[in-house]
Amino acid sequence: MYSLKNLTIDDIELNIDSKDWVDSIKKASVKLVERNIIEEKYIDAMIDSVLKFGPYIVIAKNVALSHARPEEGAIETKLYFTTLKNDIEFGELDNDPVKLLIVLSAKDSNSHLELLCQLGSILEKREIVEKLLDAKTREEFLNVILEAVDEIQ
């Protein structure tokens, strides 16, 4: 089962330069398509979902979790973390602007549930989110996540 403990520096990208939330989702997903974790249509499904339901993916102050349904092109269960060079408005008044965009690919309806519990436990701690946003390297970002996972277990 996939856990945050499985995260590697290949699952992290820092300072993506994007012009708006659509561009952010596209750029944060490119490597997942290249690595055959999601299909191209999964990106469109994530964007369509926000257009249809609003900015519900903004789950905490400065944090968005972009995702779509498994049948919309998810191949593997994986998280991909990106920090955004520019503050991006998603239209979620309480938690905008987004500075950390996480893409979730879930290959089925159940394999990602434990992963989301781990992620939620980490993101509810503002000091950890701040450390992630301040990380200067992918290694530093990864270390913050792995230390946080150790703390919650």
N, C-alpha and C. Protein backbone atom coordinates (compact mmCIF):
# COMPACT_ATOMS: atom_id res chain seq x y z
N MET A 1 0.83 -1.18 0.00
CA MET A 1 0.00 0.00 0.00
C MET A 1 0.88 1.25 0.00
N TYR A 2 0.49 2.25 -0.77
CA TYR A 2 1.26 3.48 -0.89
C TYR A 2 1.07 4.33 0.36
N SER A 3 2.16 4.84 0.87
CA SER A 3 2.18 5.66 2.06
C SER A 3 3.09 6.85 1.80
N LEU A 4 2.97 7.87 2.62
CA LEU A 4 3.89 9.00 2.50
C LEU A 4 5.33 8.58 2.74
N LYS A 5 5.53 7.46 3.41
CA LYS A 5 6.88 6.92 3.62
C LYS A 5 7.52 6.52 2.29
N ASN A 6 6.70 6.28 1.25
CA ASN A 6 7.20 5.90 -0.07
C ASN A 6 7.59 7.10 -0.93
N LEU A 7 7.35 8.29 -0.42
CA LEU A 7 7.64 9.50 -1.17
C LEU A 7 9.14 9.62 -1.45
N THR A 8 9.48 10.08 -2.65
CA THR A 8 10.88 10.31 -3.02
C THR A 8 11.01 11.73 -3.57
N ILE A 9 12.24 12.16 -3.81
CA ILE A 9 12.42 13.50 -4.38
C ILE A 9 11.82 13.60 -5.79
N ASP A 10 11.62 12.47 -6.45
CA ASP A 10 10.98 12.48 -7.77
C ASP A 10 9.50 12.84 -7.69
N ASP A 11 8.94 12.87 -6.48
CA ASP A 11 7.53 13.19 -6.27
C ASP A 11 7.35 14.63 -5.80
N ILE A 12 8.40 15.43 -5.98
CA ILE A 12 8.39 16.81 -5.48
C ILE A 12 8.96 17.73 -6.55
N GLU A 13 8.32 18.87 -6.72
CA GLU A 13 8.83 19.91 -7.62
C GLU A 13 8.60 21.26 -6.94
N LEU A 14 9.62 22.08 -6.93
CA LEU A 14 9.54 23.36 -6.25
C LEU A 14 9.49 24.52 -7.24
N ASN A 15 8.74 25.55 -6.85
CA ASN A 15 8.68 26.83 -7.57
C ASN A 15 8.20 26.72 -9.02
N ILE A 16 7.11 26.04 -9.21
CA ILE A 16 6.51 26.00 -10.54
C ILE A 16 5.98 27.40 -10.86
N ASP A 17 6.30 27.88 -12.02
CA ASP A 17 5.84 29.20 -12.46
C ASP A 17 4.57 29.01 -13.28
N SER A 18 3.45 29.51 -12.76
CA SER A 18 2.19 29.36 -13.48
C SER A 18 1.39 30.64 -13.42
N LYS A 19 0.48 30.79 -14.37
CA LYS A 19 -0.25 32.06 -14.46
C LYS A 19 -1.61 32.03 -13.76
N ASP A 20 -2.20 30.84 -13.61
CA ASP A 20 -3.50 30.72 -12.94
C ASP A 20 -3.68 29.29 -12.45
N TRP A 21 -4.83 29.01 -11.85
CA TRP A 21 -5.03 27.69 -11.25
C TRP A 21 -5.07 26.57 -12.29
N VAL A 22 -5.60 26.84 -13.47
CA VAL A 22 -5.64 25.81 -14.52
C VAL A 22 -4.22 25.46 -14.94
N ASP A 23 -3.43 26.48 -15.19
CA ASP A 23 -2.03 26.30 -15.58
C ASP A 23 -1.26 25.57 -14.47
N SER A 24 -1.55 25.89 -13.22
CA SER A 24 -0.89 25.22 -12.09
C SER A 24 -1.17 23.72 -12.09
N ILE A 25 -2.42 23.36 -12.26
CA ILE A 25 -2.78 21.93 -12.28
C ILE A 25 -2.09 21.23 -13.44
N LYS A 26 -2.11 21.86 -14.61
CA LYS A 26 -1.45 21.25 -15.77
C LYS A 26 0.04 21.04 -15.53
N LYS A 27 0.71 22.08 -15.04
CA LYS A 27 2.16 21.98 -14.83
C LYS A 27 2.51 21.02 -13.70
N ALA A 28 1.66 20.95 -12.68
CA ALA A 28 1.92 20.04 -11.55
C ALA A 28 1.67 18.58 -11.93
N SER A 29 1.05 18.35 -13.06
CA SER A 29 0.69 16.99 -13.47
C SER A 29 1.55 16.41 -14.57
N VAL A 30 2.33 17.24 -15.23
CA VAL A 30 3.12 16.81 -16.39
C VAL A 30 4.00 15.60 -16.08
N LYS A 31 4.72 15.65 -14.98
CA LYS A 31 5.64 14.56 -14.65
C LYS A 31 4.89 13.26 -14.36
N LEU A 32 3.67 13.37 -13.85
CA LEU A 32 2.88 12.16 -13.60
C LEU A 32 2.47 11.48 -14.90
N VAL A 33 2.20 12.27 -15.91
CA VAL A 33 1.89 11.71 -17.24
C VAL A 33 3.16 11.07 -17.81
N GLU A 34 4.28 11.78 -17.72
CA GLU A 34 5.55 11.26 -18.24
C GLU A 34 5.95 9.95 -17.55
N ARG A 35 5.63 9.83 -16.28
CA ARG A 35 5.98 8.63 -15.50
C ARG A 35 4.91 7.55 -15.57
N ASN A 36 3.89 7.77 -16.39
CA ASN A 36 2.81 6.80 -16.60
C ASN A 36 2.04 6.48 -15.30
N ILE A 37 1.84 7.52 -14.49
CA ILE A 37 1.06 7.39 -13.26
C ILE A 37 -0.38 7.83 -13.51
N ILE A 38 -0.54 8.82 -14.40
CA ILE A 38 -1.87 9.23 -14.85
C ILE A 38 -1.85 9.37 -16.37
N GLU A 39 -3.05 9.30 -16.95
CA GLU A 39 -3.21 9.57 -18.37
C GLU A 39 -3.47 11.07 -18.54
N GLU A 40 -3.24 11.57 -19.72
CA GLU A 40 -3.46 12.98 -20.04
C GLU A 40 -4.90 13.40 -19.68
N LYS A 41 -5.86 12.53 -19.91
CA LYS A 41 -7.26 12.88 -19.66
C LYS A 41 -7.55 13.13 -18.17
N TYR A 42 -6.70 12.61 -17.30
CA TYR A 42 -6.87 12.83 -15.86
C TYR A 42 -6.69 14.32 -15.53
N ILE A 43 -5.77 14.98 -16.22
CA ILE A 43 -5.55 16.41 -16.01
C ILE A 43 -6.82 17.19 -16.35
N ASP A 44 -7.41 16.87 -17.50
CA ASP A 44 -8.66 17.54 -17.90
C ASP A 44 -9.77 17.27 -16.89
N ALA A 45 -9.82 16.05 -16.37
CA ALA A 45 -10.86 15.69 -15.40
C ALA A 45 -10.69 16.49 -14.10
N MET A 46 -9.44 16.70 -13.68
CA MET A 46 -9.20 17.49 -12.46
C MET A 46 -9.67 18.94 -12.66
N ILE A 47 -9.36 19.50 -13.81
CA ILE A 47 -9.76 20.88 -14.12
C ILE A 47 -11.28 20.98 -14.24
N ASP A 48 -11.88 20.04 -14.96
CA ASP A 48 -13.34 20.03 -15.12
C ASP A 48 -14.05 19.93 -13.78
N SER A 49 -13.48 19.18 -12.87
CA SER A 49 -14.07 19.00 -11.55
C SER A 49 -14.14 20.34 -10.79
N VAL A 50 -13.08 21.13 -10.87
CA VAL A 50 -13.08 22.44 -10.21
C VAL A 50 -14.06 23.38 -10.91
N LEU A 51 -14.10 23.33 -12.23
CA LEU A 51 -15.04 24.16 -12.97
C LEU A 51 -16.49 23.82 -12.60
N LYS A 52 -16.75 22.55 -12.38
CA LYS A 52 -18.11 22.08 -12.07
C LYS A 52 -18.50 22.33 -10.61
N PHE A 53 -17.57 22.04 -9.68
CA PHE A 53 -17.92 22.06 -8.26
C PHE A 53 -17.32 23.23 -7.48
N GLY A 54 -16.51 24.03 -8.12
CA GLY A 54 -15.87 25.15 -7.42
C GLY A 54 -14.54 24.73 -6.81
N PRO A 55 -13.94 25.62 -6.02
CA PRO A 55 -12.59 25.40 -5.50
C PRO A 55 -12.53 24.49 -4.26
N TYR A 56 -13.31 23.43 -4.26
CA TYR A 56 -13.35 22.51 -3.12
C TYR A 56 -12.00 21.82 -2.88
N ILE A 57 -11.12 21.86 -3.87
CA ILE A 57 -9.81 21.20 -3.72
C ILE A 57 -8.86 22.00 -2.83
N VAL A 58 -9.20 23.25 -2.52
CA VAL A 58 -8.39 24.05 -1.61
C VAL A 58 -8.79 23.60 -0.20
N ILE A 59 -7.94 22.75 0.38
CA ILE A 59 -8.34 22.01 1.59
C ILE A 59 -7.80 22.61 2.88
N ALA A 60 -6.86 23.53 2.78
CA ALA A 60 -6.28 24.18 3.96
C ALA A 60 -5.68 25.50 3.51
N LYS A 61 -5.30 26.32 4.46
CA LYS A 61 -4.69 27.60 4.12
C LYS A 61 -3.47 27.37 3.22
N ASN A 62 -3.52 27.92 2.01
CA ASN A 62 -2.44 27.86 1.01
C ASN A 62 -2.24 26.49 0.38
N VAL A 63 -3.14 25.54 0.58
CA VAL A 63 -2.94 24.17 0.10
C VAL A 63 -4.13 23.69 -0.72
N ALA A 64 -3.83 23.14 -1.91
CA ALA A 64 -4.87 22.52 -2.74
C ALA A 64 -4.48 21.08 -3.03
N LEU A 65 -5.48 20.22 -3.07
CA LEU A 65 -5.30 18.79 -3.37
C LEU A 65 -6.12 18.49 -4.61
N SER A 66 -5.46 18.48 -5.75
CA SER A 66 -6.13 18.26 -7.02
C SER A 66 -6.24 16.76 -7.29
N HIS A 67 -7.42 16.33 -7.75
CA HIS A 67 -7.66 14.91 -7.99
C HIS A 67 -8.88 14.74 -8.89
N ALA A 68 -9.04 13.53 -9.36
CA ALA A 68 -10.21 13.17 -10.16
C ALA A 68 -10.56 11.72 -9.80
N ARG A 69 -11.59 11.22 -10.41
CA ARG A 69 -12.01 9.85 -10.12
C ARG A 69 -11.03 8.85 -10.76
N PRO A 70 -10.86 7.69 -10.16
CA PRO A 70 -9.91 6.69 -10.69
C PRO A 70 -10.14 6.35 -12.16
N GLU A 71 -11.40 6.22 -12.55
CA GLU A 71 -11.70 5.82 -13.93
C GLU A 71 -11.45 6.94 -14.94
N GLU A 72 -11.07 8.11 -14.47
CA GLU A 72 -10.81 9.23 -15.38
C GLU A 72 -9.35 9.32 -15.81
N GLY A 73 -8.60 8.24 -15.55
CA GLY A 73 -7.23 8.19 -16.06
C GLY A 73 -6.15 7.95 -15.03
N ALA A 74 -6.51 7.53 -13.82
CA ALA A 74 -5.50 7.20 -12.82
C ALA A 74 -4.95 5.80 -13.11
N ILE A 75 -3.64 5.67 -13.11
CA ILE A 75 -3.00 4.38 -13.37
C ILE A 75 -2.43 3.81 -12.08
N GLU A 76 -1.78 4.66 -11.29
CA GLU A 76 -1.19 4.25 -10.01
C GLU A 76 -1.69 5.18 -8.91
N THR A 77 -1.58 4.73 -7.68
CA THR A 77 -1.86 5.60 -6.54
C THR A 77 -0.55 6.31 -6.18
N LYS A 78 -0.62 7.65 -6.16
CA LYS A 78 0.59 8.45 -5.95
C LYS A 78 0.20 9.87 -5.57
N LEU A 79 1.04 10.51 -4.80
CA LEU A 79 0.94 11.95 -4.54
C LEU A 79 2.13 12.64 -5.19
N TYR A 80 1.88 13.82 -5.73
CA TYR A 80 2.95 14.63 -6.30
C TYR A 80 2.81 16.03 -5.71
N PHE A 81 3.87 16.51 -5.06
CA PHE A 81 3.86 17.78 -4.37
C PHE A 81 4.55 18.85 -5.20
N THR A 82 3.92 20.01 -5.32
CA THR A 82 4.53 21.13 -6.01
C THR A 82 4.32 22.41 -5.20
N THR A 83 5.37 23.20 -5.10
CA THR A 83 5.18 24.54 -4.57
C THR A 83 5.10 25.48 -5.77
N LEU A 84 4.33 26.55 -5.60
CA LEU A 84 4.08 27.48 -6.69
C LEU A 84 4.89 28.75 -6.48
N LYS A 85 5.55 29.17 -7.53
CA LYS A 85 6.38 30.38 -7.48
C LYS A 85 5.51 31.61 -7.19
N ASN A 86 4.35 31.66 -7.83
CA ASN A 86 3.41 32.77 -7.64
C ASN A 86 2.24 32.30 -6.78
N ASP A 87 1.73 33.19 -5.95
CA ASP A 87 0.51 32.87 -5.22
C ASP A 87 -0.62 32.75 -6.23
N ILE A 88 -1.37 31.65 -6.17
CA ILE A 88 -2.41 31.40 -7.15
C ILE A 88 -3.79 31.41 -6.47
N GLU A 89 -4.68 32.21 -7.01
CA GLU A 89 -6.06 32.28 -6.51
C GLU A 89 -6.91 31.20 -7.17
N PHE A 90 -7.55 30.40 -6.34
CA PHE A 90 -8.47 29.38 -6.83
C PHE A 90 -9.92 29.81 -6.64
N GLY A 91 -10.14 30.91 -5.89
CA GLY A 91 -11.49 31.38 -5.63
C GLY A 91 -12.05 30.87 -4.32
N GLU A 92 -11.20 30.36 -3.45
CA GLU A 92 -11.62 29.87 -2.14
C GLU A 92 -11.21 30.92 -1.11
N LEU A 93 -12.15 31.75 -0.70
CA LEU A 93 -11.85 32.96 0.06
C LEU A 93 -11.07 32.72 1.35
N ASP A 94 -11.41 31.67 2.09
CA ASP A 94 -10.77 31.45 3.39
C ASP A 94 -9.34 30.96 3.28
N ASN A 95 -9.00 30.22 2.22
CA ASN A 95 -7.70 29.56 2.16
C ASN A 95 -6.80 29.97 1.00
N ASP A 96 -7.28 30.84 0.11
CA ASP A 96 -6.43 31.37 -0.95
C ASP A 96 -5.41 32.32 -0.34
N PRO A 97 -4.29 32.57 -0.99
CA PRO A 97 -3.84 31.97 -2.24
C PRO A 97 -3.18 30.62 -2.00
N VAL A 98 -3.20 29.79 -3.04
CA VAL A 98 -2.56 28.48 -2.96
C VAL A 98 -1.07 28.64 -3.26
N LYS A 99 -0.26 28.01 -2.42
CA LYS A 99 1.19 28.02 -2.59
C LYS A 99 1.75 26.60 -2.68
N LEU A 100 0.93 25.63 -2.22
CA LEU A 100 1.30 24.21 -2.28
C LEU A 100 0.18 23.47 -2.98
N LEU A 101 0.50 22.89 -4.12
CA LEU A 101 -0.48 22.13 -4.90
C LEU A 101 -0.05 20.66 -4.91
N ILE A 102 -0.93 19.82 -4.43
CA ILE A 102 -0.66 18.39 -4.37
C ILE A 102 -1.59 17.71 -5.37
N VAL A 103 -1.04 16.87 -6.22
CA VAL A 103 -1.86 16.10 -7.15
C VAL A 103 -1.96 14.68 -6.60
N LEU A 104 -3.19 14.21 -6.48
CA LEU A 104 -3.46 12.85 -6.03
C LEU A 104 -3.96 12.03 -7.20
N SER A 105 -3.30 10.91 -7.43
CA SER A 105 -3.78 9.92 -8.37
C SER A 105 -4.14 8.69 -7.54
N ALA A 106 -5.38 8.25 -7.65
CA ALA A 106 -5.83 7.06 -6.92
C ALA A 106 -6.38 6.05 -7.92
N LYS A 107 -5.74 4.88 -7.96
CA LYS A 107 -6.11 3.89 -8.98
C LYS A 107 -7.45 3.19 -8.69
N ASP A 108 -7.95 3.34 -7.46
CA ASP A 108 -9.25 2.76 -7.11
C ASP A 108 -9.85 3.61 -5.99
N SER A 109 -10.97 3.17 -5.46
CA SER A 109 -11.67 3.97 -4.46
C SER A 109 -11.14 3.80 -3.04
N ASN A 110 -10.24 2.83 -2.81
CA ASN A 110 -9.82 2.54 -1.45
C ASN A 110 -8.33 2.69 -1.17
N SER A 111 -7.48 2.48 -2.15
CA SER A 111 -6.04 2.38 -1.91
C SER A 111 -5.40 3.66 -1.37
N HIS A 112 -6.09 4.77 -1.49
CA HIS A 112 -5.52 6.05 -1.09
C HIS A 112 -6.05 6.56 0.26
N LEU A 113 -6.94 5.84 0.90
CA LEU A 113 -7.59 6.35 2.10
C LEU A 113 -6.61 6.55 3.26
N GLU A 114 -5.75 5.57 3.50
CA GLU A 114 -4.74 5.71 4.55
C GLU A 114 -3.78 6.85 4.23
N LEU A 115 -3.44 6.96 2.97
CA LEU A 115 -2.57 8.04 2.50
C LEU A 115 -3.18 9.41 2.81
N LEU A 116 -4.48 9.55 2.56
CA LEU A 116 -5.15 10.81 2.84
C LEU A 116 -5.21 11.11 4.34
N CYS A 117 -5.35 10.07 5.14
CA CYS A 117 -5.31 10.26 6.60
C CYS A 117 -3.95 10.79 7.04
N GLN A 118 -2.89 10.20 6.51
CA GLN A 118 -1.53 10.68 6.82
C GLN A 118 -1.37 12.14 6.39
N LEU A 119 -1.79 12.42 5.17
CA LEU A 119 -1.65 13.76 4.62
C LEU A 119 -2.44 14.77 5.46
N GLY A 120 -3.65 14.42 5.82
CA GLY A 120 -4.48 15.31 6.63
C GLY A 120 -3.84 15.61 7.98
N SER A 121 -3.25 14.60 8.60
CA SER A 121 -2.59 14.78 9.89
C SER A 121 -1.41 15.74 9.80
N ILE A 122 -0.75 15.73 8.66
CA ILE A 122 0.39 16.62 8.45
C ILE A 122 -0.08 18.04 8.11
N LEU A 123 -1.04 18.15 7.21
CA LEU A 123 -1.46 19.47 6.73
C LEU A 123 -2.24 20.26 7.78
N GLU A 124 -2.77 19.59 8.79
CA GLU A 124 -3.49 20.33 9.82
C GLU A 124 -2.53 21.07 10.76
N LYS A 125 -1.25 20.76 10.65
CA LYS A 125 -0.24 21.44 11.47
C LYS A 125 0.39 22.56 10.65
N ARG A 126 0.00 23.76 10.96
CA ARG A 126 0.43 24.92 10.18
C ARG A 126 1.96 25.06 10.12
N GLU A 127 2.63 24.71 11.22
CA GLU A 127 4.09 24.85 11.23
C GLU A 127 4.75 23.91 10.21
N ILE A 128 4.16 22.77 9.98
CA ILE A 128 4.70 21.84 8.98
C ILE A 128 4.47 22.41 7.57
N VAL A 129 3.28 22.93 7.33
CA VAL A 129 2.99 23.54 6.03
C VAL A 129 3.97 24.68 5.76
N GLU A 130 4.23 25.49 6.78
CA GLU A 130 5.19 26.60 6.61
C GLU A 130 6.59 26.08 6.27
N LYS A 131 7.01 25.01 6.92
CA LYS A 131 8.32 24.42 6.61
C LYS A 131 8.35 23.91 5.17
N LEU A 132 7.26 23.31 4.72
CA LEU A 132 7.20 22.83 3.33
C LEU A 132 7.30 24.00 2.36
N LEU A 133 6.58 25.06 2.65
CA LEU A 133 6.60 26.23 1.78
C LEU A 133 7.96 26.93 1.78
N ASP A 134 8.69 26.82 2.88
CA ASP A 134 10.00 27.45 2.98
C ASP A 134 11.15 26.59 2.45
N ALA A 135 10.86 25.33 2.14
CA ALA A 135 11.92 24.41 1.69
C ALA A 135 12.59 24.95 0.43
N LYS A 136 13.92 24.93 0.44
CA LYS A 136 14.70 25.45 -0.69
C LYS A 136 15.09 24.35 -1.68
N THR A 137 15.07 23.11 -1.22
CA THR A 137 15.43 21.98 -2.10
C THR A 137 14.39 20.88 -1.96
N ARG A 138 14.35 20.01 -2.94
CA ARG A 138 13.44 18.86 -2.87
C ARG A 138 13.81 17.95 -1.71
N GLU A 139 15.09 17.83 -1.43
CA GLU A 139 15.54 16.99 -0.32
C GLU A 139 15.03 17.53 1.01
N GLU A 140 15.12 18.85 1.17
CA GLU A 140 14.63 19.48 2.39
C GLU A 140 13.12 19.27 2.53
N PHE A 141 12.38 19.44 1.45
CA PHE A 141 10.94 19.22 1.44
C PHE A 141 10.62 17.78 1.85
N LEU A 142 11.31 16.84 1.24
CA LEU A 142 11.11 15.42 1.54
C LEU A 142 11.38 15.14 3.02
N ASN A 143 12.45 15.69 3.54
CA ASN A 143 12.79 15.46 4.95
C ASN A 143 11.70 15.98 5.89
N VAL A 144 11.13 17.13 5.56
CA VAL A 144 10.03 17.66 6.38
C VAL A 144 8.86 16.68 6.39
N ILE A 145 8.51 16.16 5.22
CA ILE A 145 7.39 15.20 5.13
C ILE A 145 7.71 13.94 5.93
N LEU A 146 8.88 13.37 5.71
CA LEU A 146 9.22 12.11 6.38
C LEU A 146 9.30 12.27 7.89
N GLU A 147 9.83 13.38 8.36
CA GLU A 147 9.87 13.64 9.81
C GLU A 147 8.44 13.79 10.35
N ALA A 148 7.59 14.45 9.60
CA ALA A 148 6.20 14.63 10.04
C ALA A 148 5.47 13.29 10.10
N VAL A 149 5.74 12.42 9.15
CA VAL A 149 5.11 11.09 9.16
C VAL A 149 5.56 10.32 10.39
N ASP A 150 6.85 10.39 10.70
CA ASP A 150 7.36 9.72 11.90
C ASP A 150 6.67 10.24 13.16
N GLU A 151 6.40 11.54 13.21
CA GLU A 151 5.77 12.14 14.38
C GLU A 151 4.33 11.66 14.57
N ILE A 152 3.62 11.45 13.47
CA ILE A 152 2.20 11.08 13.60
C ILE A 152 1.98 9.58 13.81
N GLN A 153 3.03 8.80 13.63
CA GLN A 153 2.86 7.35 13.77
C GLN A 153 3.19 6.88 15.17
